Structures are given as C-alpha cells and as structure tokens.
C-alpha cells in the first residue's frame, strides 16, 4: 500500500517540474521585456486609432439598466441552449 502511494506521488514530479520551468520562463520574459523595452510617448498616443474622425462629446453616456438586464438574460439563455443542445445530441447515444 505504501509503495503504491509512492508510485502515485512520483508521477506528479514531471508535471510540477514543467509548471516550475514555465513559471520561471514567463517571469524571465516579462522582466526582460520590461527592462529592455523602449519607453516612449508619441504625439498620437491619445488619439483615435486610424479612424480620422475627431471625437465629439463625452464617451460616458448614461444607459438604462434594462440593457444590462437584457444582456445578462441573453448570456444565461444562450448558455442554457448550448447545454440543452449538447445534451439532446448525446441523449440518443447514452440510451
């Protein structure tokens, strides 16, 4: 029994080593990118990107909460429909 647990624990070492290597590589890439990257602010940094249309008015408009509620209902029923369709397709195969 003890030997079986030892074998099960040994099988996790490659996964842990891989996760550690990936974590170190991602951290090193992010740090090197920050240290070696160029920092500059150009004149057009705050401009609208490639549209050519100058913004008019404020971008902060008041929207009714009904739109938020409709969007939430859409997401909920869309997910429900996806699960029901998947269940219906697999229903015949399951018996």
Protein backbone atom coordinates (compact mmCIF):
# COMPACT_ATOMS: atom_id res chain seq x y z
CA UNK A 1 0.00 0.00 0.00
CA UNK A 2 2.79 2.41 0.90
CA UNK A 3 4.64 1.51 -2.28
CA UNK A 4 1.55 2.32 -4.43
CA UNK A 5 1.27 5.80 -2.88
CA UNK A 6 4.96 6.42 -3.54
CA UNK A 7 4.47 5.50 -7.21
CA UNK A 8 1.50 7.82 -7.49
CA UNK A 9 3.46 10.70 -5.95
CA UNK A 10 6.40 10.09 -8.29
CA UNK A 11 4.16 10.57 -11.32
CA UNK A 12 3.46 14.20 -10.32
CA UNK A 13 7.11 15.32 -10.34
CA UNK A 14 7.35 15.82 -14.13
CA UNK A 15 4.19 17.94 -14.07
CA UNK A 16 5.47 20.04 -11.18
CA UNK A 17 8.87 20.45 -12.85
CA UNK A 18 7.22 21.52 -16.11
CA UNK A 19 4.99 24.03 -14.29
CA UNK A 20 8.01 25.46 -12.46
CA UNK A 21 10.02 25.78 -15.69
CA UNK A 22 7.11 27.52 -17.43
CA UNK A 23 6.61 29.88 -14.50
CA UNK A 24 10.32 30.79 -14.42
CA UNK A 25 10.40 31.27 -18.22
CA UNK A 26 7.32 33.52 -18.25
CA UNK A 27 8.65 35.58 -15.35
CA UNK A 28 12.05 35.96 -17.02
CA UNK A 29 10.49 37.01 -20.33
CA UNK A 30 8.27 39.60 -18.65
CA UNK A 31 11.14 41.05 -16.60
CA UNK A 32 13.49 41.18 -19.61
CA UNK A 33 10.78 42.80 -21.72
CA UNK A 34 10.24 45.46 -19.06
CA UNK A 35 13.97 46.13 -18.60
CA UNK A 36 14.99 46.08 -22.26
CA UNK A 37 11.86 47.54 -23.84
CA UNK A 38 11.64 51.06 -25.15
CA UNK A 39 9.54 53.60 -23.32
CA UNK A 40 8.24 56.42 -25.42
CA UNK A 41 5.12 58.51 -25.71
CA UNK A 42 4.30 59.80 -29.16
CA UNK A 43 2.10 62.73 -30.09
CA UNK A 44 -0.72 60.50 -31.27
CA UNK A 45 -0.81 58.28 -28.18
CA UNK A 46 -4.17 59.62 -27.02
CA UNK A 47 -5.70 59.97 -30.48
CA UNK A 48 -8.36 57.78 -32.04
CA UNK A 49 -6.61 54.93 -33.86
CA UNK A 50 -6.73 55.19 -37.67
CA UNK A 51 -10.29 56.46 -37.90
CA UNK A 52 -9.61 60.06 -38.77
CA UNK A 53 -12.78 61.20 -37.03
CA UNK A 54 -12.30 63.60 -34.16
CA UNK A 55 -14.30 62.62 -31.08
CA UNK A 56 -17.20 64.87 -30.11
CA UNK A 57 -18.73 64.97 -26.68
CA UNK A 58 -18.13 62.70 -23.74
CA UNK A 59 -17.73 58.96 -24.05
CA UNK A 60 -19.50 58.48 -20.73
CA UNK A 61 -23.17 58.20 -21.62
CA UNK A 62 -25.97 57.16 -19.32
CA UNK A 63 -27.50 53.80 -20.26
CA UNK A 64 -30.57 52.32 -18.71
CA UNK A 65 -30.03 49.24 -16.55
CA UNK A 66 -32.61 47.45 -18.70
CA UNK A 67 -29.91 46.93 -21.34
CA UNK A 68 -27.69 45.26 -18.77
CA UNK A 69 -30.54 43.01 -17.68
CA UNK A 70 -31.33 42.04 -21.27
CA UNK A 71 -27.66 41.24 -21.91
CA UNK A 72 -27.48 39.05 -18.79
CA UNK A 73 -30.63 37.17 -19.79
CA UNK A 74 -29.18 36.65 -23.27
CA UNK A 75 -25.97 35.17 -21.86
CA UNK A 76 -27.84 32.93 -19.42
CA UNK A 77 -30.27 31.56 -22.01
CA UNK A 78 -27.55 31.26 -24.65
CA UNK A 79 -25.50 29.05 -22.32
CA UNK A 80 -28.59 27.09 -21.35
CA UNK A 81 -29.39 26.50 -25.01
CA UNK A 82 -25.85 25.29 -25.68
CA UNK A 83 -26.08 22.77 -22.83
CA UNK A 84 -29.54 21.58 -23.86
CA UNK A 85 -28.46 21.07 -27.48
CA UNK A 86 -25.36 19.15 -26.38
CA UNK A 87 -27.48 17.05 -24.03
CA UNK A 88 -30.04 16.35 -26.76
CA UNK A 89 -27.34 15.24 -29.19
CA UNK A 90 -25.80 12.86 -26.65
CA UNK A 91 -29.15 11.61 -25.33
CA UNK A 92 -29.68 9.01 -28.06
CA UNK A 93 -26.15 7.68 -27.75
CA UNK A 94 -26.44 7.37 -23.98
CA UNK A 95 -29.55 5.24 -24.29
